[in-house]
C-alpha atoms as a PDB file:
ATOM      1  CA  UNK A   1      -9.053  53.497  -1.623  1.00  0.00           C
ATOM      2  CA  UNK A   2      -8.390  56.759  -3.390  1.00  0.00           C
ATOM      3  CA  UNK A   3     -11.462  57.687  -5.412  1.00  0.00           C
ATOM      4  CA  UNK A   4     -12.663  60.804  -7.178  1.00  0.00           C
ATOM      5  CA  UNK A   5     -15.934  60.856  -5.237  1.00  0.00           C
ATOM      6  CA  UNK A   6     -16.943  59.189  -1.984  1.00  0.00           C
ATOM      7  CA  UNK A   7     -20.159  57.738  -3.370  1.00  0.00           C
ATOM      8  CA  UNK A   8     -22.782  56.287  -0.972  1.00  0.00           C
ATOM      9  CA  UNK A   9     -21.345  58.190   1.987  1.00  0.00           C
ATOM     10  CA  UNK A  10     -22.315  61.249   4.006  1.00  0.00           C
ATOM     11  CA  UNK A  11     -19.661  63.233   2.121  1.00  0.00           C
ATOM     12  CA  UNK A  12     -21.972  63.268  -0.898  1.00  0.00           C
ATOM     13  CA  UNK A  13     -24.792  65.084   0.891  1.00  0.00           C
ATOM     14  CA  UNK A  14     -23.607  68.649   0.032  1.00  0.00           C
ATOM     15  CA  UNK A  15     -24.061  67.968  -3.688  1.00  0.00           C
ATOM     16  CA  UNK A  16     -27.415  66.149  -3.604  1.00  0.00           C
ATOM     17  CA  UNK A  17     -29.578  69.277  -3.978  1.00  0.00           C
ATOM     18  CA  UNK A  18     -27.554  70.567  -6.941  1.00  0.00           C
ATOM     19  CA  UNK A  19     -27.602  67.094  -8.514  1.00  0.00           C
ATOM     20  CA  UNK A  20     -31.379  66.838  -8.109  1.00  0.00           C
ATOM     21  CA  UNK A  21     -31.792  70.243  -9.761  1.00  0.00           C
ATOM     22  CA  UNK A  22     -29.573  69.187 -12.672  1.00  0.00           C
ATOM     23  CA  UNK A  23     -31.546  66.034 -13.503  1.00  0.00           C
ATOM     24  CA  UNK A  24     -35.103  67.184 -12.791  1.00  0.00           C
ATOM     25  CA  UNK A  25     -35.682  67.990 -16.463  1.00  0.00           C
ATOM     26  CA  UNK A  26     -34.574  64.562 -17.701  1.00  0.00           C
ATOM     27  CA  UNK A  27     -36.947  61.733 -18.545  1.00  0.00           C
ATOM     28  CA  UNK A  28     -36.115  58.364 -17.035  1.00  0.00           C
ATOM     29  CA  UNK A  29     -37.682  55.357 -18.751  1.00  0.00           C
ATOM     30  CA  UNK A  30     -39.249  52.355 -17.136  1.00  0.00           C
ATOM     31  CA  UNK A  31     -36.951  49.269 -17.324  1.00  0.00           C
ATOM     32  CA  UNK A  32     -37.886  46.888 -20.140  1.00  0.00           C
ATOM     33  CA  UNK A  33     -36.270  43.856 -18.523  1.00  0.00           C
ATOM     34  CA  UNK A  34     -36.645  42.491 -14.966  1.00  0.00           C
ATOM     35  CA  UNK A  35     -34.312  44.550 -12.792  1.00  0.00           C
ATOM     36  CA  UNK A  36     -33.240  44.261  -9.164  1.00  0.00           C
ATOM     37  CA  UNK A  37     -31.903  47.420  -7.557  1.00  0.00           C
ATOM     38  CA  UNK A  38     -28.974  47.622  -5.162  1.00  0.00           C
ATOM     39  CA  UNK A  39     -30.664  50.689  -3.640  1.00  0.00           C
ATOM     40  CA  UNK A  40     -33.806  48.851  -2.529  1.00  0.00           C
ATOM     41  CA  UNK A  41     -32.442  45.300  -2.562  1.00  0.00           C
ATOM     42  CA  UNK A  42     -35.560  44.187  -4.437  1.00  0.00           C
ATOM     43  CA  UNK A  43     -37.060  44.153  -7.913  1.00  0.00           C
ATOM     44  CA  UNK A  44     -38.196  47.597  -9.090  1.00  0.00           C
ATOM     45  CA  UNK A  45     -40.112  49.008 -12.065  1.00  0.00           C
ATOM     46  CA  UNK A  46     -41.630  52.520 -11.893  1.00  0.00           C
ATOM     47  CA  UNK A  47     -39.254  53.651  -9.133  1.00  0.00           C
ATOM     48  CA  UNK A  48     -36.458  54.161 -11.658  1.00  0.00           C
ATOM     49  CA  UNK A  49     -38.497  56.679 -13.624  1.00  0.00           C
ATOM     50  CA  UNK A  50     -38.472  59.048 -10.623  1.00  0.00           C
ATOM     51  CA  UNK A  51     -35.425  61.399 -10.547  1.00  0.00           C
ATOM     52  CA  UNK A  52     -35.411  61.085  -6.746  1.00  0.00           C
ATOM     53  CA  UNK A  53     -34.363  57.449  -7.144  1.00  0.00           C
ATOM     54  CA  UNK A  54     -31.127  58.514  -8.833  1.00  0.00           C
ATOM     55  CA  UNK A  55     -30.442  61.124  -6.185  1.00  0.00           C
ATOM     56  CA  UNK A  56     -30.740  58.379  -3.577  1.00  0.00           C
ATOM     57  CA  UNK A  57     -28.454  56.174  -5.667  1.00  0.00           C
ATOM     58  CA  UNK A  58     -25.613  58.623  -4.974  1.00  0.00           C
ATOM     59  CA  UNK A  59     -26.032  58.648  -1.196  1.00  0.00           C
ATOM     60  CA  UNK A  60     -27.766  55.465  -0.015  1.00  0.00           C
ATOM     61  CA  UNK A  61     -26.161  52.235   1.147  1.00  0.00           C
ATOM     62  CA  UNK A  62     -25.355  49.655  -1.529  1.00  0.00           C
ATOM     63  CA  UNK A  63     -27.529  46.619  -0.726  1.00  0.00           C
ATOM     64  CA  UNK A  64     -25.608  44.268  -2.957  1.00  0.00           C
ATOM     65  CA  UNK A  65     -26.128  41.083  -0.921  1.00  0.00           C
ATOM     66  CA  UNK A  66     -29.853  41.790  -0.675  1.00  0.00           C
ATOM     67  CA  UNK A  67     -30.047  42.246  -4.448  1.00  0.00           C
ATOM     68  CA  UNK A  68     -28.231  38.969  -5.136  1.00  0.00           C
ATOM     69  CA  UNK A  69     -30.465  37.132  -2.663  1.00  0.00           C
ATOM     70  CA  UNK A  70     -33.560  38.642  -4.267  1.00  0.00           C
ATOM     71  CA  UNK A  71     -32.435  37.424  -7.696  1.00  0.00           C
ATOM     72  CA  UNK A  72     -31.798  33.935  -6.331  1.00  0.00           C
ATOM     73  CA  UNK A  73     -35.290  33.935  -4.793  1.00  0.00           C
ATOM     74  CA  UNK A  74     -36.639  34.807  -8.253  1.00  0.00           C
ATOM     75  CA  UNK A  75     -35.038  31.631  -9.606  1.00  0.00           C
ATOM     76  CA  UNK A  76     -31.872  33.154 -11.054  1.00  0.00           C
ATOM     77  CA  UNK A  77     -29.061  30.572 -11.097  1.00  0.00           C
ATOM     78  CA  UNK A  78     -26.691  32.143 -13.652  1.00  0.00           C
ATOM     79  CA  UNK A  79     -24.966  35.475 -13.022  1.00  0.00           C
ATOM     80  CA  UNK A  80     -22.868  37.398 -15.548  1.00  0.00           C
ATOM     81  CA  UNK A  81     -20.839  40.440 -14.492  1.00  0.00           C
ATOM     82  CA  UNK A  82     -20.482  43.119 -17.182  1.00  0.00           C
ATOM     83  CA  UNK A  83     -17.755  45.511 -16.106  1.00  0.00           C
ATOM     84  CA  UNK A  84     -14.081  46.388 -16.436  1.00  0.00           C
ATOM     85  CA  UNK A  85     -12.884  43.577 -14.149  1.00  0.00           C
ATOM     86  CA  UNK A  86     -14.158  40.643 -12.100  1.00  0.00           C
ATOM     87  CA  UNK A  87     -14.861  42.724  -9.007  1.00  0.00           C
ATOM     88  CA  UNK A  88     -18.382  41.531  -8.190  1.00  0.00           C
ATOM     89  CA  UNK A  89     -18.047  37.900  -9.319  1.00  0.00           C
ATOM     90  CA  UNK A  90     -16.429  36.579  -6.105  1.00  0.00           C
ATOM     91  CA  UNK A  91     -18.881  38.578  -3.961  1.00  0.00           C
ATOM     92  CA  UNK A  92     -21.835  36.973  -5.744  1.00  0.00           C
ATOM     93  CA  UNK A  93     -20.374  33.518  -5.117  1.00  0.00           C
ATOM     94  CA  UNK A  94     -19.808  34.336  -1.424  1.00  0.00           C
ATOM     95  CA  UNK A  95     -23.372  35.603  -1.026  1.00  0.00           C
ATOM     96  CA  UNK A  96     -25.022  32.513  -2.490  1.00  0.00           C
ATOM     97  CA  UNK A  97     -25.377  29.224  -0.614  1.00  0.00           C
ATOM     98  CA  UNK A  98     -26.198  27.383  -3.845  1.00  0.00           C
ATOM     99  CA  UNK A  99     -23.032  25.663  -5.090  1.00  0.00           C
ATOM    100  CA  UNK A 100     -24.765  24.934  -8.398  1.00  0.00           C
ATOM    101  CA  UNK A 101     -25.068  28.642  -9.265  1.00  0.00           C
ATOM    102  CA  UNK A 102     -22.820  29.799 -12.129  1.00  0.00           C
ATOM    103  CA  UNK A 103     -21.070  33.165 -11.773  1.00  0.00           C
ATOM    104  CA  UNK A 104     -19.164  34.470 -14.804  1.00  0.00           C
ATOM    105  CA  UNK A 105     -17.159  37.646 -15.432  1.00  0.00           C
ATOM    106  CA  UNK A 106     -17.372  38.772 -19.066  1.00  0.00           C
ATOM    107  CA  UNK A 107     -14.346  41.074 -18.815  1.00  0.00           C
ATOM    108  CA  UNK A 108     -11.084  40.834 -16.904  1.00  0.00           C
ATOM    109  CA  UNK A 109      -8.170  43.174 -16.547  1.00  0.00           C
ATOM    110  CA  UNK A 110      -5.134  42.391 -18.732  1.00  0.00           C
ATOM    111  CA  UNK A 111      -6.989  39.747 -20.735  1.00  0.00           C
ATOM    112  CA  UNK A 112      -8.174  39.804 -24.332  1.00  0.00           C
ATOM    113  CA  UNK A 113     -11.761  41.029 -24.360  1.00  0.00           C
ATOM    114  CA  UNK A 114     -13.001  38.819 -27.218  1.00  0.00           C
ATOM    115  CA  UNK A 115     -11.712  35.555 -25.776  1.00  0.00           C
ATOM    116  CA  UNK A 116     -12.902  36.417 -22.251  1.00  0.00           C
ATOM    117  CA  UNK A 117     -16.412  37.240 -23.463  1.00  0.00           C
ATOM    118  CA  UNK A 118     -16.519  34.077 -25.599  1.00  0.00           C
ATOM    119  CA  UNK A 119     -15.378  31.917 -22.682  1.00  0.00           C
ATOM    120  CA  UNK A 120     -17.994  33.504 -20.419  1.00  0.00           C
ATOM    121  CA  UNK A 121     -20.780  32.965 -22.955  1.00  0.00           C
ATOM    122  CA  UNK A 122     -19.698  29.333 -23.336  1.00  0.00           C
ATOM    123  CA  UNK A 123     -19.846  28.785 -19.560  1.00  0.00           C
ATOM    124  CA  UNK A 124     -23.326  30.286 -19.408  1.00  0.00           C
ATOM    125  CA  UNK A 125     -24.445  28.179 -22.375  1.00  0.00           C
ATOM    126  CA  UNK A 126     -23.325  24.855 -20.890  1.00  0.00           C
ATOM    127  CA  UNK A 127     -25.097  25.901 -17.673  1.00  0.00           C
ATOM    128  CA  UNK A 128     -28.387  26.150 -19.560  1.00  0.00           C
ATOM    129  CA  UNK A 129     -28.516  29.783 -20.723  1.00  0.00           C
ATOM    130  CA  UNK A 130     -29.928  30.518 -24.173  1.00  0.00           C
ATOM    131  CA  UNK A 131     -27.408  32.002 -26.608  1.00  0.00           C
ATOM    132  CA  UNK A 132     -28.177  33.466 -30.041  1.00  0.00           C
ATOM    133  CA  UNK A 133     -25.406  31.605 -31.839  1.00  0.00           C
ATOM    134  CA  UNK A 134     -26.524  32.835 -35.263  1.00  0.00           C
ATOM    135  CA  UNK A 135     -25.825  36.413 -34.198  1.00  0.00           C
ATOM    136  CA  UNK A 136     -22.650  35.389 -32.374  1.00  0.00           C
ATOM    137  CA  UNK A 137     -21.172  33.802 -35.529  1.00  0.00           C
ATOM    138  CA  UNK A 138     -22.633  36.328 -37.991  1.00  0.00           C
ATOM    139  CA  UNK A 139     -20.108  37.305 -40.666  1.00  0.00           C
ATOM    140  CA  UNK A 140     -17.617  34.543 -39.749  1.00  0.00           C
ATOM    141  CA  UNK A 141     -18.730  32.023 -42.377  1.00  0.00           C
ATOM    142  CA  UNK A 142     -19.563  29.453 -39.708  1.00  0.00           C
ATOM    143  CA  UNK A 143     -22.310  27.002 -40.613  1.00  0.00           C
ATOM    144  CA  UNK A 144     -24.134  24.125 -38.980  1.00  0.00           C
ATOM    145  CA  UNK A 145     -23.102  20.577 -39.863  1.00  0.00           C
ATOM    146  CA  UNK A 146     -24.711  17.219 -39.172  1.00  0.00           C
ATOM    147  CA  UNK A 147     -23.265  15.123 -36.379  1.00  0.00           C
ATOM    148  CA  UNK A 148     -21.804  11.708 -37.256  1.00  0.00           C
ATOM    149  CA  UNK A 149     -24.404   8.950 -37.408  1.00  0.00           C
ATOM    150  CA  UNK A 150     -22.533   6.596 -35.062  1.00  0.00           C
ATOM    151  CA  UNK A 151     -22.746   6.791 -31.283  1.00  0.00           C
ATOM    152  CA  UNK A 152     -19.929   8.704 -29.688  1.00  0.00           C
ATOM    153  CA  UNK A 153     -17.444   6.378 -28.034  1.00  0.00           C
ATOM    154  CA  UNK A 154     -15.804   7.493 -24.805  1.00  0.00           C
ATOM    155  CA  UNK A 155     -12.566   5.681 -24.019  1.00  0.00           C
ATOM    156  CA  UNK A 156      -9.662   6.832 -21.902  1.00  0.00           C
ATOM    157  CA  UNK A 157      -6.162   6.101 -23.113  1.00  0.00           C
ATOM    158  CA  UNK A 158      -4.328   7.613 -20.151  1.00  0.00           C
ATOM    159  CA  UNK A 159      -3.257   5.379 -17.299  1.00  0.00           C
ATOM    160  CA  UNK A 160      -5.267   6.489 -14.243  1.00  0.00           C
ATOM    161  CA  UNK A 161      -3.340   7.669 -11.215  1.00  0.00           C
ATOM    162  CA  UNK A 162      -2.851   5.009  -8.582  1.00  0.00           C
ATOM    163  CA  UNK A 163      -3.209   2.077 -10.963  1.00  0.00           C
ATOM    164  CA  UNK A 164       0.088   0.450 -10.026  1.00  0.00           C
ATOM    165  CA  UNK A 165      -0.272  -3.296  -9.883  1.00  0.00           C
ATOM    166  CA  UNK A 166      -2.745  -3.404 -12.762  1.00  0.00           C
ATOM    167  CA  UNK A 167      -0.354  -2.837 -15.650  1.00  0.00           C
ATOM    168  CA  UNK A 168       1.370  -5.375 -17.849  1.00  0.00           C
ATOM    169  CA  UNK A 169       4.424  -6.561 -15.903  1.00  0.00           C
ATOM    170  CA  UNK A 170       5.671  -8.605 -18.863  1.00  0.00           C
ATOM    171  CA  UNK A 171       5.964  -5.451 -20.991  1.00  0.00           C
ATOM    172  CA  UNK A 172       8.477  -4.166 -18.409  1.00  0.00           C
ATOM    173  CA  UNK A 173      10.533  -7.364 -18.518  1.00  0.00           C
ATOM    174  CA  UNK A 174       9.000  -8.731 -15.332  1.00  0.00           C
ATOM    175  CA  UNK A 175       6.804 -11.683 -14.393  1.00  0.00           C
ATOM    176  CA  UNK A 176       3.292 -10.973 -13.133  1.00  0.00           C
ATOM    177  CA  UNK A 177       2.288 -12.552  -9.805  1.00  0.00           C
ATOM    178  CA  UNK A 178      -1.512 -12.379  -9.997  1.00  0.00           C
ATOM    179  CA  UNK A 179      -1.490 -11.408  -6.314  1.00  0.00           C
ATOM    180  CA  UNK A 180      -3.678  -8.523  -5.043  1.00  0.00           C
ATOM    181  CA  UNK A 181      -0.851  -6.902  -3.046  1.00  0.00           C
ATOM    182  CA  UNK A 182       2.312  -7.514  -5.054  1.00  0.00           C
ATOM    183  CA  UNK A 183       2.315  -7.453  -8.833  1.00  0.00           C
ATOM    184  CA  UNK A 184       5.716  -8.432 -10.241  1.00  0.00           C
ATOM    185  CA  UNK A 185       8.635 -10.816  -9.674  1.00  0.00           C
ATOM    186  CA  UNK A 186      12.181  -9.590 -10.285  1.00  0.00           C
ATOM    187  CA  UNK A 187      14.896 -12.252 -10.491  1.00  0.00           C
ATOM    188  CA  UNK A 188      18.641 -11.616 -10.546  1.00  0.00           C
ATOM    189  CA  UNK A 189      20.458 -13.025 -13.592  1.00  0.00           C
ATOM    190  CA  UNK A 190      23.694 -13.736 -11.660  1.00  0.00           C
ATOM    191  CA  UNK A 191      22.242 -15.183  -8.436  1.00  0.00           C
ATOM    192  CA  UNK A 192      19.197 -16.952  -7.062  1.00  0.00           C
ATOM    193  CA  UNK A 193      18.044 -13.849  -5.179  1.00  0.00           C
ATOM    194  CA  UNK A 194      14.425 -12.995  -6.001  1.00  0.00           C
ATOM    195  CA  UNK A 195      12.385  -9.867  -5.237  1.00  0.00           C
ATOM    196  CA  UNK A 196       8.611  -9.541  -5.361  1.00  0.00           C
ATOM    197  CA  UNK A 197       7.388  -5.948  -5.702  1.00  0.00           C
ATOM    198  CA  UNK A 198       4.093  -4.091  -5.561  1.00  0.00           C
ATOM    199  CA  UNK A 199       2.338  -1.006  -4.267  1.00  0.00           C
ATOM    200  CA  UNK A 200       0.011  -0.590  -1.279  1.00  0.00           C
ATOM    201  CA  UNK A 201      -2.570   2.190  -1.165  1.00  0.00           C
ATOM    202  CA  UNK A 202      -5.909   2.710   0.531  1.00  0.00           C
ATOM    203  CA  UNK A 203      -7.163   4.177  -2.749  1.00  0.00           C
ATOM    204  CA  UNK A 204      -6.483   1.067  -4.852  1.00  0.00           C
ATOM    205  CA  UNK A 205      -6.982  -1.403  -1.974  1.00  0.00           C
ATOM    206  CA  UNK A 206      -9.583   0.365   0.222  1.00  0.00           C
ATOM    207  CA  UNK A 207     -10.024  -2.627   2.525  1.00  0.00           C
ATOM    208  CA  UNK A 208      -6.554  -1.941   3.929  1.00  0.00           C
ATOM    209  CA  UNK A 209      -8.040   1.096   5.692  1.00  0.00           C
ATOM    210  CA  UNK A 210     -10.078  -1.241   7.910  1.00  0.00           C
ATOM    211  CA  UNK A 211      -6.998  -1.944  10.046  1.00  0.00           C
ATOM    212  CA  UNK A 212      -6.528   1.216  12.110  1.00  0.00           C
ATOM    213  CA  UNK A 213      -4.589   1.647  15.323  1.00  0.00           C
ATOM    214  CA  UNK A 214      -4.973   5.003  17.102  1.00  0.00           C
ATOM    215  CA  UNK A 215      -6.431   6.544  13.877  1.00  0.00           C
ATOM    216  CA  UNK A 216      -3.404   5.359  11.877  1.00  0.00           C
ATOM    217  CA  UNK A 217      -3.771   2.887   9.019  1.00  0.00           C
ATOM    218  CA  UNK A 218      -1.271   0.055   9.606  1.00  0.00           C
ATOM    219  CA  UNK A 219      -0.542  -2.803   7.264  1.00  0.00           C
ATOM    220  CA  UNK A 220      -1.295  -5.797   9.516  1.00  0.00           C
ATOM    221  CA  UNK A 221       1.345  -8.261  10.631  1.00  0.00           C
ATOM    222  CA  UNK A 222      -0.653 -11.069   9.035  1.00  0.00           C
ATOM    223  CA  UNK A 223      -0.254  -9.170   5.763  1.00  0.00           C
ATOM    224  CA  UNK A 224       3.520  -9.299   6.145  1.00  0.00           C
ATOM    225  CA  UNK A 225       3.248 -13.037   6.762  1.00  0.00           C
ATOM    226  CA  UNK A 226       1.155 -13.378   3.603  1.00  0.00           C
ATOM    227  CA  UNK A 227       3.726 -11.468   1.528  1.00  0.00           C
ATOM    228  CA  UNK A 228       6.570 -13.610   2.868  1.00  0.00           C
ATOM    229  CA  UNK A 229       4.678 -16.866   2.202  1.00  0.00           C
ATOM    230  CA  UNK A 230       3.667 -15.818  -1.302  1.00  0.00           C
ATOM    231  CA  UNK A 231       7.213 -14.871  -2.219  1.00  0.00           C
ATOM    232  CA  UNK A 232       8.611 -18.036  -0.634  1.00  0.00           C
ATOM    233  CA  UNK A 233       6.209 -20.279  -2.528  1.00  0.00           C
ATOM    234  CA  UNK A 234       7.678 -18.968  -5.791  1.00  0.00           C
ATOM    235  CA  UNK A 235      11.109 -20.345  -4.856  1.00  0.00           C
ATOM    236  CA  UNK A 236      10.001 -23.617  -3.273  1.00  0.00           C
ATOM    237  CA  UNK A 237       9.984 -22.398   0.340  1.00  0.00           C
ATOM    238  CA  UNK A 238       6.328 -22.309   1.270  1.00  0.00           C
ATOM    239  CA  UNK A 239       6.719 -22.445   5.066  1.00  0.00           C
ATOM    240  CA  UNK A 240       7.697 -19.568   7.316  1.00  0.00           C
ATOM    241  CA  UNK A 241      10.041 -20.740  10.052  1.00  0.00           C
ATOM    242  CA  UNK A 242      10.569 -17.320  11.631  1.00  0.00           C
ATOM    243  CA  UNK A 243       9.475 -13.711  11.081  1.00  0.00           C
ATOM    244  CA  UNK A 244      10.645 -10.758  13.173  1.00  0.00           C
ATOM    245  CA  UNK A 245       8.758  -7.453  12.878  1.00  0.00           C
ATOM    246  CA  UNK A 246      11.179  -4.521  12.879  1.00  0.00           C
ATOM    247  CA  UNK A 247       8.964  -1.478  12.196  1.00  0.00           C
ATOM    248  CA  UNK A 248       5.277  -0.804  11.512  1.00  0.00           C
ATOM    249  CA  UNK A 249       4.235  -0.253   7.902  1.00  0.00           C
ATOM    250  CA  UNK A 250       2.110   2.902   7.986  1.00  0.00           C
ATOM    251  CA  UNK A 251      -0.161   3.580   5.005  1.00  0.00           C
ATOM    252  CA  UNK A 252      -0.884   7.252   4.175  1.00  0.00           C
ATOM    253  CA  UNK A 253      -4.428   8.579   3.705  1.00  0.00           C
ATOM    254  CA  UNK A 254      -3.488   9.612   0.144  1.00  0.00           C
ATOM    255  CA  UNK A 255      -0.847   8.217  -2.165  1.00  0.00           C
ATOM    256  CA  UNK A 256       0.797   4.925  -1.352  1.00  0.00           C
ATOM    257  CA  UNK A 257       3.989   3.013  -0.655  1.00  0.00           C
ATOM    258  CA  UNK A 258       6.072   0.715  -2.792  1.00  0.00           C
ATOM    259  CA  UNK A 259       6.761  -2.650  -1.184  1.00  0.00           C
ATOM    260  CA  UNK A 260       9.433  -5.260  -1.936  1.00  0.00           C
ATOM    261  CA  UNK A 261       9.867  -8.760  -0.560  1.00  0.00           C
ATOM    262  CA  UNK A 262      13.469  -9.871  -1.047  1.00  0.00           C
ATOM    263  CA  UNK A 263      14.243 -13.605  -0.934  1.00  0.00           C
ATOM    264  CA  UNK A 264      17.909 -14.378  -0.307  1.00  0.00           C
ATOM    265  CA  UNK A 265      19.990 -17.191  -1.762  1.00  0.00           C
ATOM    266  CA  UNK A 266      19.392 -20.787  -0.732  1.00  0.00           C
ATOM    267  CA  UNK A 267      21.398 -22.110   2.223  1.00  0.00           C
ATOM    268  CA  UNK A 268      20.765 -25.845   2.739  1.00  0.00           C
ATOM    269  CA  UNK A 269      17.179 -25.321   1.611  1.00  0.00           C
ATOM    270  CA  UNK A 270      16.571 -22.322   3.848  1.00  0.00           C
ATOM    271  CA  UNK A 271      16.191 -18.775   2.549  1.00  0.00           C
ATOM    272  CA  UNK A 272      16.189 -15.440   4.296  1.00  0.00           C
ATOM    273  CA  UNK A 273      13.299 -13.067   3.626  1.00  0.00           C
ATOM    274  CA  UNK A 274      13.148  -9.296   4.152  1.00  0.00           C
ATOM    275  CA  UNK A 275      10.205  -6.947   3.551  1.00  0.00           C
ATOM    276  CA  UNK A 276      10.800  -3.275   2.717  1.00  0.00           C
ATOM    277  CA  UNK A 277       8.641  -0.257   1.840  1.00  0.00           C
ATOM    278  CA  UNK A 278       9.223   3.211   0.429  1.00  0.00           C
ATOM    279  CA  UNK A 279       6.758   6.162   0.143  1.00  0.00           C
ATOM    280  CA  UNK A 280       5.698   7.321  -3.311  1.00  0.00           C
ATOM    281  CA  UNK A 281       7.295  10.750  -2.843  1.00  0.00           C
ATOM    282  CA  UNK A 282      10.704   9.192  -2.086  1.00  0.00           C
ATOM    283  CA  UNK A 283      10.840   7.109  -5.259  1.00  0.00           C
ATOM    284  CA  UNK A 284      14.085   8.795  -6.386  1.00  0.00           C
ATOM    285  CA  UNK A 285      15.930   8.081  -3.137  1.00  0.00           C
ATOM    286  CA  UNK A 286      17.818   4.799  -2.807  1.00  0.00           C
ATOM    287  CA  UNK A 287      18.227   5.297   0.955  1.00  0.00           C
ATOM    288  CA  UNK A 288      14.520   5.719   1.687  1.00  0.00           C
ATOM    289  CA  UNK A 289      13.661   2.008   1.992  1.00  0.00           C
ATOM    290  CA  UNK A 290      12.494   0.912   5.471  1.00  0.00           C
ATOM    291  CA  UNK A 291      12.922  -2.650   6.719  1.00  0.00           C
ATOM    292  CA  UNK A 292       9.671  -3.843   8.300  1.00  0.00           C
ATOM    293  CA  UNK A 293      10.213  -7.569   8.774  1.00  0.00           C
ATOM    294  CA  UNK A 294      12.837 -10.256   8.247  1.00  0.00           C
ATOM    295  CA  UNK A 295      12.817 -13.963   8.770  1.00  0.00           C
ATOM    296  CA  UNK A 296      13.515 -17.421   7.413  1.00  0.00           C
ATOM    297  CA  UNK A 297      11.626 -19.473   4.823  1.00  0.00           C
ATOM    298  CA  UNK A 298      11.920 -23.253   4.547  1.00  0.00           C
ATOM    299  CA  UNK A 299      10.505 -25.887   2.223  1.00  0.00           C
ATOM    300  CA  UNK A 300       7.137 -27.436   3.078  1.00  0.00           C
ATOM    301  CA  UNK A 301       7.369 -29.043   6.515  1.00  0.00           C
ATOM    302  CA  UNK A 302       7.103 -32.803   6.724  1.00  0.00           C
ATOM    303  CA  UNK A 303       4.179 -34.452   8.493  1.00  0.00           C
ATOM    304  CA  UNK A 304       0.568 -33.479   8.949  1.00  0.00           C
ATOM    305  CA  UNK A 305      -0.344 -29.858   9.674  1.00  0.00           C
ATOM    306  CA  UNK A 306      -1.322 -28.870  13.197  1.00  0.00           C
ATOM    307  CA  UNK A 307      -4.835 -29.919  14.199  1.00  0.00           C
ATOM    308  CA  UNK A 308      -6.765 -26.783  15.167  1.00  0.00           C
ATOM    309  CA  UNK A 309     -10.163 -28.474  15.496  1.00  0.00           C
ATOM    310  CA  UNK A 310     -10.020 -28.004  19.277  1.00  0.00           C
ATOM    311  CA  UNK A 311      -9.503 -24.420  20.393  1.00  0.00           C
ATOM    312  CA  UNK A 312      -7.915 -23.574  22.681  1.00  0.00           C
ATOM    313  CA  UNK A 313      -5.649 -26.608  22.498  1.00  0.00           C
ATOM    314  CA  UNK A 314      -5.426 -29.027  25.414  1.00  0.00           C
ATOM    315  CA  UNK A 315      -3.303 -27.794  28.338  1.00  0.00           C
ATOM    316  CA  UNK A 316      -3.059 -24.314  26.790  1.00  0.00           C
ATOM    317  CA  UNK A 317      -2.584 -21.303  29.092  1.00  0.00           C
ATOM    318  CA  UNK A 318      -4.681 -18.239  28.333  1.00  0.00           C
ATOM    319  CA  UNK A 319      -2.737 -14.982  28.058  1.00  0.00           C
ATOM    320  CA  UNK A 320      -4.678 -11.683  28.453  1.00  0.00           C
ATOM    321  CA  UNK A 321      -4.371  -9.561  25.320  1.00  0.00           C
ATOM    322  CA  UNK A 322      -7.040  -6.881  25.975  1.00  0.00           C
ATOM    323  CA  UNK A 323      -4.426  -4.131  26.529  1.00  0.00           C
ATOM    324  CA  UNK A 324      -2.062  -5.250  23.752  1.00  0.00           C
ATOM    325  CA  UNK A 325      -2.628  -2.281  21.411  1.00  0.00           C
ATOM    326  CA  UNK A 326      -2.549   0.276  24.233  1.00  0.00           C
ATOM    327  CA  UNK A 327       0.724  -1.055  25.636  1.00  0.00           C
END
């Protein structure tokens, strides 16, 4: 940096004697407030009344980190920089290990002084510092008023991020499903094709993160079966005759994916079913849907359901599955 004087360096030594002679007739007062010196790195009192201290100030090393640490050890948790720009503020924050410490610059380059000082005072005040508000507002006509007598009511009116599936589907012209994974039913006015839509996210459905394969969150195949059965039950086809898995449905660590279960038209009581997904950040792209599974739904099968009381069933052949995920 180009500077007028190389303070705190050996280049200042030729002027120290002349400087000491120039200030030896001055009187230096004892500090009236607690003061930590960047020359000693500790709290000082009578040292500042000695002209030799100020001669050393020109030449000696700046022990800024030591001074900040000393203040923190004294219980200081709020720091305000008074200077032409926020030069020291980031260095104070880097020196301290205490994340709760508040560091404020009361002046910044190219910013209005009054608003910057006011903002800094406000930050210090909410952090517990005492502020003489009467003096601050003197001459402005400001006055104290009584607070309302009722308890303050805190209520958010904004829809929180990631709340898909919890809104009012009917207000969007849809039919709500009441299902934890898919939220709305979309029917076609000119055909018997039906789509069930929703959104999957580990933020809104954290239990989905329990199914991990090689550190990747996968929507389980049983979940695809559940989506197909739920959609089929809405059109009178509550049995799944066949389901082919085409691609894994990967859930991101943040954000989510839109999911749609499309039920095709009836063909002698049978209906095709396809399950798609699309990432949140591709919502504007029609071509970004991925087909994960497709199959066939049929009406409820006749006869009694399979008896699973005995497991494994009689005459069953065990198949090793220990290496299934690895392979």
